């Protein structure tokens, strides 16, 4: 079985960890040296939050921070429309920004931009937003 690992640059590791903890995500207890934190999405899916300086070293260049336009969207499944809505509200309450709903006729979805400008979408089967 394969494992998916996504590394995301963040301005403040502690602030980003607190933001995602507010959304209900947990982190691996593995020591990280204060430069990374492994956010556990599912058994084989991990998002590694990486301090920008460390990310720059890994990537071999500048960090292209997200702005008004999304460079990519991280899409996660949700168990219900209620979970989608609750997570988006939690994200915005914790300091994230609303993001336009990404239309798909076969799923119910909600989106937000995290503290570092990364766009997240939650989806579940169901009707789409009007």
Protein backbone atom coordinates (compact mmCIF):
# COMPACT_ATOMS: atom_id res chain seq x y z
CA UNK A 1 0.00 0.00 0.00
CA UNK A 2 1.33 3.43 -0.92
CA UNK A 3 1.54 6.40 1.39
CA UNK A 4 0.76 9.94 0.28
CA UNK A 5 2.87 12.67 1.85
CA UNK A 6 2.34 16.30 0.97
CA UNK A 7 4.71 18.98 2.28
CA UNK A 8 3.34 22.50 2.74
CA UNK A 9 5.41 25.57 3.58
CA UNK A 10 4.12 27.56 6.56
CA UNK A 11 5.18 30.91 7.98
CA UNK A 12 4.76 29.82 11.61
CA UNK A 13 4.80 26.13 12.46
CA UNK A 14 3.21 26.62 15.89
CA UNK A 15 0.42 28.89 14.59
CA UNK A 16 -0.36 26.49 11.72
CA UNK A 17 -0.39 23.49 14.06
CA UNK A 18 -2.84 25.31 16.36
CA UNK A 19 -5.04 26.22 13.36
CA UNK A 20 -5.28 22.62 12.11
CA UNK A 21 -5.74 21.27 15.64
CA UNK A 22 -8.81 23.54 15.88
CA UNK A 23 -10.15 21.74 12.81
CA UNK A 24 -9.72 18.38 14.55
CA UNK A 25 -6.50 17.16 12.92
CA UNK A 26 -3.88 15.37 15.01
CA UNK A 27 -0.12 15.32 14.72
CA UNK A 28 2.43 12.55 14.88
CA UNK A 29 4.34 12.52 18.15
CA UNK A 30 7.61 12.02 16.25
CA UNK A 31 10.21 14.67 17.13
CA UNK A 32 10.67 17.20 14.35
CA UNK A 33 13.34 19.54 15.60
CA UNK A 34 10.88 22.43 15.50
CA UNK A 35 11.00 22.68 11.70
CA UNK A 36 8.27 20.23 10.66
CA UNK A 37 5.06 18.72 11.97
CA UNK A 38 3.36 15.65 10.50
CA UNK A 39 -0.40 16.12 10.38
CA UNK A 40 -2.21 12.79 10.20
CA UNK A 41 -5.06 12.83 7.69
CA UNK A 42 -5.61 9.08 7.44
CA UNK A 43 -3.61 5.89 7.89
CA UNK A 44 -1.56 6.44 4.74
CA UNK A 45 -2.02 10.17 4.20
CA UNK A 46 0.23 12.70 5.94
CA UNK A 47 0.56 16.44 5.41
CA UNK A 48 3.90 17.70 6.63
CA UNK A 49 3.84 21.33 7.67
CA UNK A 50 7.33 22.69 7.04
CA UNK A 51 8.74 26.00 8.27
CA UNK A 52 9.39 28.19 5.19
CA UNK A 53 13.17 28.32 5.73
CA UNK A 54 13.37 24.54 5.94
CA UNK A 55 11.03 24.15 2.95
CA UNK A 56 13.21 26.54 0.95
CA UNK A 57 16.23 24.33 1.71
CA UNK A 58 14.33 21.17 0.68
CA UNK A 59 12.92 22.72 -2.49
CA UNK A 60 16.19 24.32 -3.51
CA UNK A 61 14.71 27.77 -4.08
CA UNK A 62 12.23 30.39 -3.05
CA UNK A 63 8.85 29.56 -1.59
CA UNK A 64 6.04 30.67 -3.88
CA UNK A 65 3.39 31.64 -1.36
CA UNK A 66 -0.24 31.41 -2.38
CA UNK A 67 -2.14 34.60 -2.87
CA UNK A 68 -5.36 35.52 -4.57
CA UNK A 69 -5.22 32.53 -6.92
CA UNK A 70 -4.90 28.90 -5.92
CA UNK A 71 -1.91 27.02 -7.34
CA UNK A 72 -3.48 23.73 -6.25
CA UNK A 73 -6.37 22.51 -4.11
CA UNK A 74 -6.08 19.92 -1.37
CA UNK A 75 -9.33 17.99 -1.48
CA UNK A 76 -10.44 15.73 1.35
CA UNK A 77 -13.52 13.58 1.64
CA UNK A 78 -15.97 14.22 4.46
CA UNK A 79 -18.56 11.92 5.98
CA UNK A 80 -21.51 14.29 5.64
CA UNK A 81 -22.68 17.70 4.48
CA UNK A 82 -22.75 18.72 8.14
CA UNK A 83 -19.07 17.80 8.53
CA UNK A 84 -18.22 19.86 5.44
CA UNK A 85 -20.06 22.91 6.77
CA UNK A 86 -18.74 22.56 10.34
CA UNK A 87 -15.13 22.23 9.20
CA UNK A 88 -15.36 25.29 6.94
CA UNK A 89 -16.91 27.33 9.78
CA UNK A 90 -14.17 26.15 12.17
CA UNK A 91 -11.50 27.10 9.65
CA UNK A 92 -12.87 30.60 9.18
CA UNK A 93 -13.36 31.06 12.93
CA UNK A 94 -9.74 29.98 13.48
CA UNK A 95 -8.46 32.65 11.06
CA UNK A 96 -8.77 31.03 7.65
CA UNK A 97 -10.46 32.77 4.75
CA UNK A 98 -13.59 31.75 2.87
CA UNK A 99 -12.89 30.35 -0.60
CA UNK A 100 -15.41 30.05 -3.42
CA UNK A 101 -17.16 26.71 -3.61
CA UNK A 102 -15.58 24.53 -6.25
CA UNK A 103 -18.54 23.39 -8.32
CA UNK A 104 -19.12 19.73 -9.06
CA UNK A 105 -22.58 18.41 -9.87
CA UNK A 106 -22.05 15.13 -7.99
CA UNK A 107 -20.75 16.29 -4.61
CA UNK A 108 -21.51 18.67 -1.79
CA UNK A 109 -18.45 20.76 -1.04
CA UNK A 110 -17.04 23.61 0.96
CA UNK A 111 -13.68 25.36 0.68
CA UNK A 112 -11.38 27.60 2.68
CA UNK A 113 -7.92 29.08 2.51
CA UNK A 114 -5.65 28.27 5.47
CA UNK A 115 -3.40 30.76 7.26
CA UNK A 116 -0.66 30.33 4.66
CA UNK A 117 -2.91 30.65 1.61
CA UNK A 118 -3.28 26.95 0.78
CA UNK A 119 -6.78 26.09 -0.48
CA UNK A 120 -8.59 23.13 1.10
CA UNK A 121 -11.81 21.59 -0.17
CA UNK A 122 -14.02 19.11 1.67
CA UNK A 123 -16.47 17.02 -0.32
CA UNK A 124 -19.09 14.36 0.26
CA UNK A 125 -21.60 12.70 -2.03
CA UNK A 126 -24.85 14.60 -2.18
CA UNK A 127 -26.47 17.55 -3.81
CA UNK A 128 -24.41 20.51 -4.79
CA UNK A 129 -24.85 24.00 -3.45
CA UNK A 130 -27.51 26.06 -5.23
